[in-house]
N, C-alpha and C. Protein backbone atom coordinates (compact mmCIF):
# COMPACT_ATOMS: atom_id res chain seq x y z
N MET A 1 106.15 60.35 139.19
CA MET A 1 104.91 59.62 138.93
C MET A 1 105.15 58.50 137.94
N GLU A 2 104.56 57.34 138.21
CA GLU A 2 104.71 56.20 137.32
C GLU A 2 103.93 56.43 136.02
N GLN A 3 104.62 56.26 134.92
CA GLN A 3 104.01 56.46 133.62
C GLN A 3 104.14 55.17 132.83
N LEU A 4 103.03 54.50 132.65
CA LEU A 4 103.04 53.16 132.06
C LEU A 4 102.45 53.11 130.66
N GLU A 5 101.78 54.15 130.25
CA GLU A 5 101.08 54.10 128.97
C GLU A 5 102.01 54.47 127.82
N ILE A 6 101.63 53.99 126.64
CA ILE A 6 102.42 54.25 125.43
C ILE A 6 102.68 55.74 125.25
N LYS A 7 101.65 56.53 125.45
CA LYS A 7 101.76 57.98 125.22
C LYS A 7 102.75 58.65 126.16
N ASP A 8 103.00 58.04 127.31
CA ASP A 8 103.94 58.60 128.28
C ASP A 8 105.37 58.15 128.03
N LEU A 9 105.53 56.99 127.39
CA LEU A 9 106.85 56.38 127.26
C LEU A 9 107.54 56.66 125.94
N TYR A 10 106.76 56.80 124.85
CA TYR A 10 107.35 56.76 123.52
C TYR A 10 106.89 57.90 122.61
N ASP A 11 107.83 58.32 121.76
CA ASP A 11 107.52 59.20 120.64
C ASP A 11 107.32 58.31 119.42
N LEU A 12 106.08 58.10 119.03
CA LEU A 12 105.77 57.16 117.96
C LEU A 12 106.21 57.66 116.58
N LYS A 13 106.69 58.90 116.53
CA LYS A 13 107.26 59.38 115.28
C LYS A 13 108.64 58.78 115.03
N GLU A 14 109.21 58.15 116.05
CA GLU A 14 110.55 57.58 115.95
C GLU A 14 110.54 56.07 115.74
N THR A 15 109.53 55.58 115.05
CA THR A 15 109.50 54.17 114.67
C THR A 15 108.58 53.99 113.47
N ILE A 16 108.95 53.07 112.58
CA ILE A 16 108.05 52.73 111.48
C ILE A 16 106.95 51.79 111.94
N ALA A 17 106.97 51.44 113.22
CA ALA A 17 105.98 50.52 113.78
C ALA A 17 104.86 51.25 114.50
N SER A 18 104.67 52.54 114.23
CA SER A 18 103.67 53.31 114.97
C SER A 18 102.28 52.69 114.87
N GLU A 19 101.96 52.12 113.72
CA GLU A 19 100.64 51.51 113.53
C GLU A 19 100.44 50.33 114.48
N LEU A 20 101.52 49.65 114.83
CA LEU A 20 101.44 48.51 115.75
C LEU A 20 100.90 48.94 117.11
N PHE A 21 101.19 50.16 117.51
CA PHE A 21 100.80 50.65 118.83
C PHE A 21 99.42 51.32 118.83
N ALA A 22 98.86 51.53 117.65
CA ALA A 22 97.59 52.24 117.54
C ALA A 22 96.47 51.48 118.25
N GLY A 23 95.67 52.20 119.01
CA GLY A 23 94.52 51.61 119.67
C GLY A 23 94.86 50.84 120.94
N LYS A 24 96.11 50.89 121.35
CA LYS A 24 96.53 50.18 122.56
C LYS A 24 96.88 51.18 123.65
N THR A 25 96.78 50.75 124.88
CA THR A 25 97.08 51.61 126.01
C THR A 25 98.49 51.39 126.52
N TYR A 26 98.84 50.12 126.74
CA TYR A 26 100.13 49.77 127.32
C TYR A 26 101.04 49.13 126.26
N PRO A 27 102.34 49.40 126.31
CA PRO A 27 103.22 48.92 125.24
C PRO A 27 103.35 47.42 125.14
N TRP A 28 103.22 46.71 126.26
CA TRP A 28 103.35 45.26 126.20
C TRP A 28 102.20 44.59 125.45
N GLU A 29 101.14 45.33 125.18
CA GLU A 29 100.05 44.77 124.40
C GLU A 29 100.47 44.44 122.96
N VAL A 30 101.58 45.02 122.49
CA VAL A 30 102.02 44.74 121.12
C VAL A 30 102.78 43.42 121.02
N LEU A 31 103.24 42.87 122.11
CA LEU A 31 104.15 41.72 122.04
C LEU A 31 103.59 40.53 121.25
N PRO A 32 102.32 40.16 121.42
CA PRO A 32 101.83 39.00 120.65
C PRO A 32 101.66 39.27 119.16
N GLU A 33 101.76 40.55 118.75
CA GLU A 33 101.45 40.91 117.37
C GLU A 33 102.67 41.29 116.53
N ILE A 34 103.86 41.30 117.13
CA ILE A 34 105.04 41.81 116.44
C ILE A 34 105.34 41.04 115.16
N GLY A 35 105.33 39.72 115.23
CA GLY A 35 105.68 38.91 114.06
C GLY A 35 104.77 39.16 112.88
N ASP A 36 103.47 39.10 113.09
CA ASP A 36 102.52 39.32 112.00
C ASP A 36 102.62 40.73 111.45
N PHE A 37 102.88 41.70 112.34
CA PHE A 37 102.99 43.08 111.90
C PHE A 37 104.20 43.26 110.98
N ILE A 38 105.31 42.64 111.32
CA ILE A 38 106.51 42.75 110.49
C ILE A 38 106.25 42.22 109.09
N VAL A 39 105.59 41.09 108.99
CA VAL A 39 105.28 40.50 107.68
C VAL A 39 104.41 41.47 106.86
N LYS A 40 103.42 42.03 107.51
CA LYS A 40 102.53 42.97 106.83
C LYS A 40 103.27 44.23 106.39
N LEU A 41 104.07 44.79 107.30
CA LEU A 41 104.79 46.02 106.99
C LEU A 41 105.86 45.78 105.93
N GLY A 42 106.55 44.67 106.05
CA GLY A 42 107.63 44.39 105.11
C GLY A 42 107.18 44.38 103.66
N GLN A 43 105.97 43.92 103.45
CA GLN A 43 105.44 43.84 102.08
C GLN A 43 105.16 45.21 101.49
N THR A 44 105.16 46.24 102.32
CA THR A 44 104.89 47.60 101.84
C THR A 44 106.16 48.43 101.68
N LEU A 45 107.30 47.89 102.08
CA LEU A 45 108.54 48.67 102.05
C LEU A 45 109.04 48.86 100.62
N SER A 46 109.63 49.99 100.38
CA SER A 46 110.12 50.34 99.05
C SER A 46 111.26 49.42 98.62
N GLU A 47 111.16 48.87 97.42
CA GLU A 47 112.24 48.02 96.89
C GLU A 47 113.47 48.84 96.56
N GLU A 48 113.32 50.15 96.45
CA GLU A 48 114.46 51.01 96.22
C GLU A 48 115.26 51.25 97.50
N GLU A 49 114.63 51.06 98.63
CA GLU A 49 115.28 51.33 99.91
C GLU A 49 115.60 50.07 100.71
N TYR A 50 114.88 48.98 100.45
CA TYR A 50 115.05 47.75 101.21
C TYR A 50 115.26 46.55 100.28
N ASP A 51 116.12 45.63 100.70
CA ASP A 51 116.28 44.34 100.02
C ASP A 51 115.55 43.28 100.83
N LYS A 52 114.84 42.42 100.13
CA LYS A 52 114.29 41.24 100.79
C LYS A 52 115.29 40.11 100.59
N VAL A 53 115.91 39.66 101.69
CA VAL A 53 117.06 38.76 101.58
C VAL A 53 116.75 37.33 102.01
N GLY A 54 115.56 37.09 102.49
CA GLY A 54 115.17 35.75 102.91
C GLY A 54 113.69 35.75 103.18
N GLU A 55 113.19 34.67 103.74
CA GLU A 55 111.76 34.58 104.01
C GLU A 55 111.38 35.61 105.09
N ASN A 56 110.65 36.62 104.66
CA ASN A 56 110.18 37.68 105.57
C ASN A 56 111.31 38.39 106.29
N ILE A 57 112.40 38.65 105.57
CA ILE A 57 113.52 39.43 106.09
C ILE A 57 113.76 40.60 105.16
N TRP A 58 113.65 41.81 105.68
CA TRP A 58 113.89 43.02 104.90
C TRP A 58 115.02 43.81 105.55
N ILE A 59 116.03 44.16 104.77
CA ILE A 59 117.18 44.90 105.27
C ILE A 59 117.36 46.15 104.41
N ALA A 60 117.44 47.28 105.07
CA ALA A 60 117.63 48.54 104.34
C ALA A 60 118.95 48.50 103.58
N LYS A 61 118.95 49.03 102.38
CA LYS A 61 120.16 49.06 101.57
C LYS A 61 121.26 49.87 102.23
N SER A 62 120.89 50.83 103.07
CA SER A 62 121.88 51.66 103.75
C SER A 62 122.37 51.04 105.06
N ALA A 63 121.80 49.91 105.46
CA ALA A 63 122.24 49.23 106.68
C ALA A 63 123.54 48.46 106.41
N THR A 64 124.29 48.23 107.47
CA THR A 64 125.51 47.42 107.39
C THR A 64 125.32 46.19 108.25
N VAL A 65 125.43 45.01 107.64
CA VAL A 65 125.23 43.76 108.34
C VAL A 65 126.49 42.90 108.19
N ALA A 66 127.09 42.53 109.29
CA ALA A 66 128.30 41.71 109.24
C ALA A 66 127.99 40.34 108.66
N PRO A 67 128.92 39.77 107.88
CA PRO A 67 128.68 38.45 107.28
C PRO A 67 128.43 37.36 108.33
N SER A 68 128.95 37.56 109.55
CA SER A 68 128.80 36.56 110.60
C SER A 68 127.50 36.69 111.38
N ALA A 69 126.71 37.72 111.10
CA ALA A 69 125.42 37.90 111.80
C ALA A 69 124.42 36.87 111.29
N SER A 70 123.53 36.44 112.17
CA SER A 70 122.48 35.48 111.81
C SER A 70 121.12 36.14 112.00
N ILE A 71 120.33 36.17 110.92
CA ILE A 71 119.02 36.82 110.97
C ILE A 71 117.96 35.83 110.49
N THR A 72 116.99 35.57 111.34
CA THR A 72 115.85 34.72 111.01
C THR A 72 114.60 35.60 110.95
N GLY A 73 113.76 35.40 109.95
CA GLY A 73 112.56 36.20 109.83
C GLY A 73 111.46 35.71 110.75
N PRO A 74 110.43 36.52 110.88
CA PRO A 74 110.28 37.84 110.27
C PRO A 74 111.14 38.89 110.97
N ALA A 75 111.77 39.73 110.15
CA ALA A 75 112.65 40.76 110.69
C ALA A 75 112.75 41.91 109.72
N ILE A 76 112.89 43.11 110.27
CA ILE A 76 113.18 44.31 109.49
C ILE A 76 114.37 45.00 110.13
N ILE A 77 115.37 45.32 109.31
CA ILE A 77 116.53 46.08 109.76
C ILE A 77 116.48 47.43 109.08
N GLY A 78 116.39 48.49 109.87
CA GLY A 78 116.12 49.82 109.34
C GLY A 78 117.32 50.51 108.71
N LYS A 79 117.05 51.67 108.16
CA LYS A 79 118.06 52.45 107.44
C LYS A 79 119.21 52.86 108.36
N ASN A 80 120.43 52.77 107.80
CA ASN A 80 121.63 53.23 108.49
C ASN A 80 121.88 52.53 109.82
N THR A 81 121.33 51.35 109.97
CA THR A 81 121.56 50.55 111.17
C THR A 81 122.77 49.65 110.94
N GLU A 82 123.48 49.36 112.01
CA GLU A 82 124.66 48.49 111.95
C GLU A 82 124.40 47.23 112.76
N VAL A 83 124.52 46.08 112.13
CA VAL A 83 124.40 44.78 112.80
C VAL A 83 125.79 44.16 112.78
N ARG A 84 126.38 44.03 113.93
CA ARG A 84 127.79 43.67 114.02
C ARG A 84 128.04 42.17 114.12
N HIS A 85 129.31 41.84 114.22
CA HIS A 85 129.80 40.46 114.22
C HIS A 85 129.07 39.59 115.25
N GLY A 86 128.58 38.47 114.80
CA GLY A 86 128.02 37.47 115.70
C GLY A 86 126.65 37.80 116.26
N ALA A 87 126.01 38.85 115.78
CA ALA A 87 124.66 39.16 116.26
C ALA A 87 123.71 38.03 115.87
N PHE A 88 122.74 37.74 116.74
CA PHE A 88 121.81 36.63 116.54
C PHE A 88 120.39 37.19 116.65
N ILE A 89 119.77 37.43 115.51
CA ILE A 89 118.41 37.95 115.47
C ILE A 89 117.49 36.78 115.18
N ARG A 90 116.75 36.34 116.19
CA ARG A 90 116.03 35.07 116.15
C ARG A 90 114.65 35.15 115.49
N GLY A 91 114.24 36.33 115.11
CA GLY A 91 112.93 36.45 114.50
C GLY A 91 112.01 37.35 115.29
N LYS A 92 110.98 37.87 114.60
CA LYS A 92 110.03 38.80 115.19
C LYS A 92 110.76 40.01 115.79
N ALA A 93 111.73 40.53 115.01
CA ALA A 93 112.52 41.67 115.47
C ALA A 93 112.40 42.81 114.47
N LEU A 94 111.96 43.95 114.96
CA LEU A 94 111.87 45.14 114.13
C LEU A 94 112.87 46.15 114.69
N VAL A 95 113.93 46.37 113.92
CA VAL A 95 115.03 47.24 114.35
C VAL A 95 114.93 48.55 113.57
N GLY A 96 114.88 49.65 114.26
CA GLY A 96 114.65 50.95 113.63
C GLY A 96 115.85 51.49 112.89
N GLU A 97 115.78 52.77 112.57
CA GLU A 97 116.84 53.44 111.82
C GLU A 97 117.95 53.92 112.76
N GLY A 98 119.19 53.84 112.26
CA GLY A 98 120.32 54.36 113.02
C GLY A 98 120.61 53.61 114.29
N CYS A 99 120.26 52.33 114.34
CA CYS A 99 120.49 51.52 115.54
C CYS A 99 121.83 50.79 115.46
N VAL A 100 122.27 50.29 116.60
CA VAL A 100 123.44 49.41 116.67
C VAL A 100 123.02 48.12 117.37
N VAL A 101 123.18 47.01 116.67
CA VAL A 101 122.98 45.67 117.24
C VAL A 101 124.36 45.02 117.23
N GLY A 102 124.95 44.89 118.40
CA GLY A 102 126.38 44.63 118.45
C GLY A 102 126.80 43.19 118.58
N ASN A 103 128.07 43.05 118.89
CA ASN A 103 128.75 41.77 119.00
C ASN A 103 128.02 40.81 119.95
N SER A 104 127.60 39.67 119.43
CA SER A 104 126.98 38.60 120.22
C SER A 104 125.67 39.01 120.88
N VAL A 105 125.03 40.03 120.35
CA VAL A 105 123.71 40.44 120.85
C VAL A 105 122.64 39.53 120.29
N GLU A 106 121.67 39.18 121.12
CA GLU A 106 120.54 38.34 120.69
C GLU A 106 119.24 39.11 120.84
N LEU A 107 118.46 39.12 119.76
CA LEU A 107 117.14 39.77 119.77
C LEU A 107 116.07 38.74 119.43
N LYS A 108 114.92 38.85 120.10
CA LYS A 108 113.79 37.97 119.81
C LYS A 108 112.50 38.66 120.21
N ASN A 109 111.56 38.74 119.28
CA ASN A 109 110.24 39.33 119.55
C ASN A 109 110.39 40.69 120.23
N ALA A 110 110.99 41.62 119.50
CA ALA A 110 111.28 42.92 120.08
C ALA A 110 111.12 44.03 119.04
N VAL A 111 110.78 45.21 119.53
CA VAL A 111 110.75 46.41 118.71
C VAL A 111 111.79 47.37 119.26
N LEU A 112 112.72 47.78 118.40
CA LEU A 112 113.69 48.80 118.74
C LEU A 112 113.34 50.06 117.96
N PHE A 113 113.04 51.13 118.67
CA PHE A 113 112.79 52.41 118.01
C PHE A 113 114.07 52.91 117.35
N ASN A 114 114.00 54.04 116.68
CA ASN A 114 115.18 54.59 116.02
C ASN A 114 116.28 54.93 117.02
N SER A 115 117.52 54.81 116.58
CA SER A 115 118.71 55.24 117.34
C SER A 115 118.89 54.49 118.65
N VAL A 116 118.40 53.27 118.73
CA VAL A 116 118.63 52.42 119.91
C VAL A 116 119.99 51.75 119.78
N GLN A 117 120.68 51.62 120.90
CA GLN A 117 121.96 50.93 120.91
C GLN A 117 121.93 49.76 121.88
N VAL A 118 122.16 48.58 121.33
CA VAL A 118 122.38 47.36 122.13
C VAL A 118 123.70 46.78 121.61
N PRO A 119 124.84 47.37 122.03
CA PRO A 119 126.08 47.15 121.30
C PRO A 119 126.98 46.02 121.75
N HIS A 120 126.78 45.48 122.96
CA HIS A 120 127.75 44.50 123.46
C HIS A 120 127.09 43.43 124.33
N TYR A 121 126.99 42.23 123.84
CA TYR A 121 126.60 41.07 124.67
C TYR A 121 125.27 41.27 125.40
N ASN A 122 124.29 41.78 124.69
CA ASN A 122 122.97 41.99 125.29
C ASN A 122 121.99 40.92 124.83
N TYR A 123 121.02 40.58 125.68
CA TYR A 123 119.86 39.79 125.26
C TYR A 123 118.63 40.65 125.43
N VAL A 124 117.86 40.78 124.35
CA VAL A 124 116.63 41.57 124.38
C VAL A 124 115.52 40.69 123.81
N GLY A 125 114.63 40.24 124.69
CA GLY A 125 113.54 39.37 124.26
C GLY A 125 112.21 39.87 124.78
N ASP A 126 111.19 39.82 123.93
CA ASP A 126 109.82 40.20 124.32
C ASP A 126 109.82 41.57 124.98
N SER A 127 110.40 42.53 124.28
CA SER A 127 110.65 43.85 124.84
C SER A 127 110.44 44.95 123.80
N VAL A 128 110.27 46.17 124.30
CA VAL A 128 110.20 47.36 123.44
C VAL A 128 111.21 48.37 123.99
N LEU A 129 112.11 48.83 123.12
CA LEU A 129 113.14 49.78 123.51
C LEU A 129 112.90 51.10 122.78
N GLY A 130 112.71 52.17 123.56
CA GLY A 130 112.33 53.46 123.01
C GLY A 130 113.49 54.20 122.37
N TYR A 131 113.14 55.30 121.72
CA TYR A 131 114.07 56.14 120.96
C TYR A 131 115.29 56.52 121.79
N LYS A 132 116.46 56.28 121.21
CA LYS A 132 117.75 56.62 121.81
C LYS A 132 117.98 55.96 123.16
N SER A 133 117.29 54.84 123.42
CA SER A 133 117.63 54.08 124.62
C SER A 133 118.92 53.30 124.37
N HIS A 134 119.61 52.97 125.44
CA HIS A 134 120.93 52.34 125.34
C HIS A 134 121.08 51.31 126.46
N MET A 135 121.52 50.12 126.08
CA MET A 135 121.80 49.08 127.07
C MET A 135 123.30 48.87 127.14
N GLY A 136 123.86 49.08 128.33
CA GLY A 136 125.28 48.91 128.52
C GLY A 136 125.72 47.47 128.33
N ALA A 137 127.02 47.27 128.19
CA ALA A 137 127.56 45.94 127.91
C ALA A 137 127.10 44.92 128.93
N GLY A 138 126.60 43.79 128.43
CA GLY A 138 126.21 42.69 129.30
C GLY A 138 124.86 42.84 129.97
N SER A 139 124.15 43.94 129.73
CA SER A 139 122.82 44.08 130.34
C SER A 139 121.80 43.25 129.57
N LEU A 140 120.84 42.68 130.29
CA LEU A 140 119.94 41.68 129.73
C LEU A 140 118.50 41.94 130.13
N THR A 141 117.58 41.49 129.30
CA THR A 141 116.18 41.37 129.72
C THR A 141 115.91 39.91 130.05
N SER A 142 115.33 39.69 131.21
CA SER A 142 114.87 38.35 131.60
C SER A 142 113.38 38.31 131.30
N ASN A 143 112.97 37.40 130.42
CA ASN A 143 111.61 37.50 129.88
C ASN A 143 110.65 36.41 130.35
N VAL A 144 111.09 35.50 131.21
CA VAL A 144 110.19 34.46 131.74
C VAL A 144 110.45 34.31 133.23
N LYS A 145 109.41 34.30 134.03
CA LYS A 145 109.56 34.13 135.47
C LYS A 145 110.03 32.71 135.78
N SER A 146 110.75 32.54 136.85
CA SER A 146 111.30 31.23 137.19
C SER A 146 110.21 30.20 137.47
N ASP A 147 109.05 30.67 137.96
CA ASP A 147 107.95 29.74 138.23
C ASP A 147 107.00 29.60 137.04
N LYS A 148 107.34 30.29 135.93
CA LYS A 148 106.60 30.19 134.67
C LYS A 148 105.16 30.73 134.75
N THR A 149 104.85 31.48 135.79
CA THR A 149 103.51 32.07 135.89
C THR A 149 103.44 33.34 135.04
N LEU A 150 102.23 33.87 134.85
CA LEU A 150 102.04 35.05 134.02
C LEU A 150 102.61 36.29 134.69
N VAL A 151 103.06 37.20 133.87
CA VAL A 151 103.77 38.38 134.37
C VAL A 151 102.79 39.47 134.79
N THR A 152 103.07 40.07 135.94
CA THR A 152 102.33 41.22 136.44
C THR A 152 103.28 42.42 136.49
N VAL A 153 102.82 43.55 135.97
CA VAL A 153 103.58 44.79 136.12
C VAL A 153 103.27 45.36 137.49
N LYS A 154 104.29 45.47 138.34
CA LYS A 154 104.09 45.85 139.72
C LYS A 154 104.70 47.21 140.00
N GLY A 155 103.84 48.22 140.05
CA GLY A 155 104.27 49.54 140.45
C GLY A 155 103.80 49.84 141.86
N LYS A 156 104.25 50.96 142.40
CA LYS A 156 103.81 51.36 143.74
C LYS A 156 102.37 51.83 143.72
N GLU A 157 101.94 52.40 142.58
CA GLU A 157 100.61 52.97 142.48
C GLU A 157 99.57 51.96 142.00
N LYS A 158 99.98 51.02 141.17
CA LYS A 158 99.04 50.04 140.64
C LYS A 158 99.77 48.79 140.19
N GLN A 159 99.02 47.68 140.11
CA GLN A 159 99.54 46.44 139.57
C GLN A 159 98.64 46.01 138.42
N ILE A 160 99.26 45.59 137.32
CA ILE A 160 98.50 45.26 136.12
C ILE A 160 98.83 43.84 135.69
N GLU A 161 97.80 43.01 135.62
CA GLU A 161 97.96 41.66 135.09
C GLU A 161 98.07 41.74 133.57
N THR A 162 99.15 41.21 133.02
CA THR A 162 99.37 41.33 131.57
C THR A 162 98.81 40.16 130.78
N GLY A 163 98.62 39.02 131.44
CA GLY A 163 98.19 37.82 130.72
C GLY A 163 99.29 37.20 129.87
N LEU A 164 100.52 37.68 130.02
CA LEU A 164 101.64 37.21 129.21
C LEU A 164 102.59 36.34 130.03
N LYS A 165 103.01 35.24 129.44
CA LYS A 165 104.03 34.41 130.07
C LYS A 165 105.42 34.95 129.78
N LYS A 166 105.58 35.53 128.58
CA LYS A 166 106.88 36.08 128.18
C LYS A 166 106.77 37.60 128.04
N PHE A 167 107.55 38.29 128.84
CA PHE A 167 107.53 39.75 128.87
C PHE A 167 108.85 40.18 129.48
N GLY A 168 109.69 40.82 128.68
CA GLY A 168 110.98 41.27 129.17
C GLY A 168 110.90 42.63 129.82
N ALA A 169 111.18 43.69 129.05
CA ALA A 169 111.17 45.04 129.61
C ALA A 169 110.67 46.04 128.59
N MET A 170 110.04 47.08 129.10
CA MET A 170 109.63 48.22 128.30
C MET A 170 110.53 49.39 128.71
N LEU A 171 111.38 49.84 127.79
CA LEU A 171 112.26 50.97 128.05
C LEU A 171 111.71 52.19 127.32
N GLY A 172 111.46 53.26 128.07
CA GLY A 172 111.00 54.49 127.44
C GLY A 172 112.11 55.15 126.65
N ASP A 173 111.79 56.25 126.01
CA ASP A 173 112.77 57.01 125.24
C ASP A 173 113.90 57.50 126.15
N PHE A 174 115.12 57.49 125.61
CA PHE A 174 116.30 58.05 126.28
C PHE A 174 116.65 57.34 127.59
N VAL A 175 116.31 56.08 127.71
CA VAL A 175 116.69 55.31 128.91
C VAL A 175 118.13 54.81 128.77
N GLU A 176 118.88 54.89 129.85
CA GLU A 176 120.26 54.39 129.90
C GLU A 176 120.32 53.26 130.94
N VAL A 177 120.71 52.07 130.47
CA VAL A 177 120.83 50.92 131.36
C VAL A 177 122.32 50.61 131.55
N GLY A 178 122.76 50.59 132.80
CA GLY A 178 124.18 50.37 133.08
C GLY A 178 124.62 48.94 132.80
N CYS A 179 125.92 48.79 132.65
CA CYS A 179 126.51 47.50 132.29
C CYS A 179 126.14 46.39 133.28
N ASN A 180 125.94 45.19 132.73
CA ASN A 180 125.71 43.97 133.52
C ASN A 180 124.48 44.04 134.42
N SER A 181 123.50 44.84 134.03
CA SER A 181 122.24 44.88 134.77
C SER A 181 121.27 43.84 134.22
N VAL A 182 120.35 43.39 135.07
CA VAL A 182 119.30 42.46 134.68
C VAL A 182 117.95 43.14 134.88
N LEU A 183 117.17 43.18 133.80
CA LEU A 183 115.82 43.72 133.86
C LEU A 183 114.87 42.53 133.93
N ASN A 184 114.25 42.34 135.09
CA ASN A 184 113.42 41.17 135.32
C ASN A 184 112.08 41.26 134.61
N PRO A 185 111.37 40.12 134.45
CA PRO A 185 110.11 40.12 133.71
C PRO A 185 109.13 41.17 134.24
N GLY A 186 108.56 41.94 133.30
CA GLY A 186 107.58 42.95 133.67
C GLY A 186 108.16 44.28 134.07
N THR A 187 109.43 44.50 133.81
CA THR A 187 110.06 45.78 134.15
C THR A 187 109.62 46.87 133.17
N VAL A 188 109.27 48.03 133.70
CA VAL A 188 108.95 49.20 132.88
C VAL A 188 109.79 50.36 133.38
N ILE A 189 110.60 50.94 132.49
CA ILE A 189 111.48 52.05 132.86
C ILE A 189 111.02 53.30 132.13
N GLY A 190 110.63 54.31 132.88
CA GLY A 190 110.13 55.54 132.29
C GLY A 190 111.20 56.29 131.52
N SER A 191 110.77 57.16 130.63
CA SER A 191 111.69 57.88 129.76
C SER A 191 112.68 58.74 130.55
N HIS A 192 113.86 58.92 129.96
CA HIS A 192 114.92 59.76 130.52
C HIS A 192 115.41 59.27 131.88
N SER A 193 115.29 57.97 132.13
CA SER A 193 115.79 57.42 133.40
C SER A 193 117.09 56.65 133.19
N ASN A 194 117.87 56.55 134.27
CA ASN A 194 119.16 55.86 134.25
C ASN A 194 119.17 54.73 135.27
N ILE A 195 119.77 53.63 134.88
CA ILE A 195 119.91 52.47 135.76
C ILE A 195 121.38 52.29 136.07
N TYR A 196 121.72 52.25 137.35
CA TYR A 196 123.11 52.04 137.74
C TYR A 196 123.62 50.70 137.21
N PRO A 197 124.93 50.60 136.92
CA PRO A 197 125.50 49.32 136.52
C PRO A 197 125.29 48.24 137.58
N VAL A 198 125.24 47.01 137.12
CA VAL A 198 125.11 45.82 137.97
C VAL A 198 123.86 45.90 138.85
N SER A 199 122.78 46.37 138.27
CA SER A 199 121.51 46.47 138.99
C SER A 199 120.62 45.27 138.67
N CYS A 200 119.77 44.93 139.63
CA CYS A 200 118.70 43.95 139.43
C CYS A 200 117.40 44.72 139.54
N VAL A 201 116.74 44.91 138.41
CA VAL A 201 115.59 45.80 138.35
C VAL A 201 114.30 45.00 138.20
N ARG A 202 113.32 45.35 138.99
CA ARG A 202 112.01 44.68 138.92
C ARG A 202 110.93 45.73 139.17
N GLY A 203 109.85 45.64 138.40
CA GLY A 203 108.75 46.58 138.62
C GLY A 203 108.88 47.81 137.76
N VAL A 204 108.48 48.95 138.31
CA VAL A 204 108.38 50.19 137.55
C VAL A 204 109.37 51.23 138.07
N VAL A 205 110.13 51.80 137.16
CA VAL A 205 111.02 52.91 137.48
C VAL A 205 110.41 54.16 136.86
N PRO A 206 110.07 55.17 137.65
CA PRO A 206 109.42 56.37 137.10
C PRO A 206 110.31 57.11 136.11
N SER A 207 109.70 57.92 135.28
CA SER A 207 110.43 58.77 134.35
C SER A 207 111.35 59.73 135.10
N ASN A 208 112.42 60.13 134.43
CA ASN A 208 113.36 61.12 134.98
C ASN A 208 113.90 60.72 136.34
N SER A 209 114.25 59.42 136.44
CA SER A 209 114.75 58.90 137.71
C SER A 209 116.14 58.29 137.54
N ILE A 210 116.81 58.13 138.66
CA ILE A 210 118.06 57.36 138.71
C ILE A 210 117.82 56.18 139.64
N PHE A 211 117.97 54.97 139.09
CA PHE A 211 117.81 53.75 139.88
C PHE A 211 119.18 53.34 140.41
N LYS A 212 119.36 53.47 141.72
CA LYS A 212 120.62 53.05 142.35
C LYS A 212 120.49 51.62 142.89
N ASP A 213 119.39 51.36 143.54
CA ASP A 213 118.96 50.02 143.93
C ASP A 213 117.48 50.13 144.26
N LYS A 214 116.83 49.01 144.60
CA LYS A 214 115.37 49.04 144.76
C LYS A 214 114.91 49.95 145.88
N GLU A 215 115.80 50.23 146.85
CA GLU A 215 115.44 51.12 147.95
C GLU A 215 115.83 52.56 147.68
N HIS A 216 116.56 52.79 146.60
CA HIS A 216 117.06 54.14 146.31
C HIS A 216 116.84 54.47 144.84
N ILE A 217 115.65 54.98 144.56
CA ILE A 217 115.30 55.48 143.23
C ILE A 217 115.02 56.96 143.40
N VAL A 218 115.88 57.80 142.84
CA VAL A 218 115.79 59.23 143.10
C VAL A 218 115.43 59.98 141.84
N GLU A 219 114.75 61.09 142.02
CA GLU A 219 114.38 61.93 140.89
C GLU A 219 115.60 62.72 140.42
N LYS A 220 115.75 62.81 139.11
CA LYS A 220 116.84 63.62 138.55
C LYS A 220 116.62 65.09 138.88
N GLN A 221 117.71 65.75 139.19
CA GLN A 221 117.65 67.19 139.52
C GLN A 221 118.12 68.02 138.33
């Protein structure tokens, strides 16, 4: 069954951004509010646990950030997170605890729950990645349609007009995305699902599924 609502996709105990999702039904509703929320939240963070290192940039003292990484605010880097060589955080990025933002990874307008891994050559824009989700090397979110029209979430059971021009992907908790896959605008992947490597994904992938290709999405046994 397609599960599109926040309550079906995410454990809100695994993010300091739980308040951002309050009162909303679908996770993409948070996308226009991420930047302002980070600024508000950052001002409440403990000075004993976080350093403010630039304009609206807060980095946990326990985080490791490579000298070659580039971070533009507003941004929060959570406790025990590792930001590796050449990472490019363009702003409006809230990275949870125990995450990995790897070599040449680019983040923009995104929320990463705790223990998310985007370790190698990933682009994550206008997206929400759930607890312990993982994007294989070279996998990307495509966040703008080629015709620049507004994004619709297209499932088999329902279609939802989002009113958003920029919308990458919503990954539920424990999602595994195979290497060199492309998640097209408006993709929603249910929790505990796996995407085969080199996949082109569009629409909704139900929870507890294996996406082999668009004609072969099977339930995990």
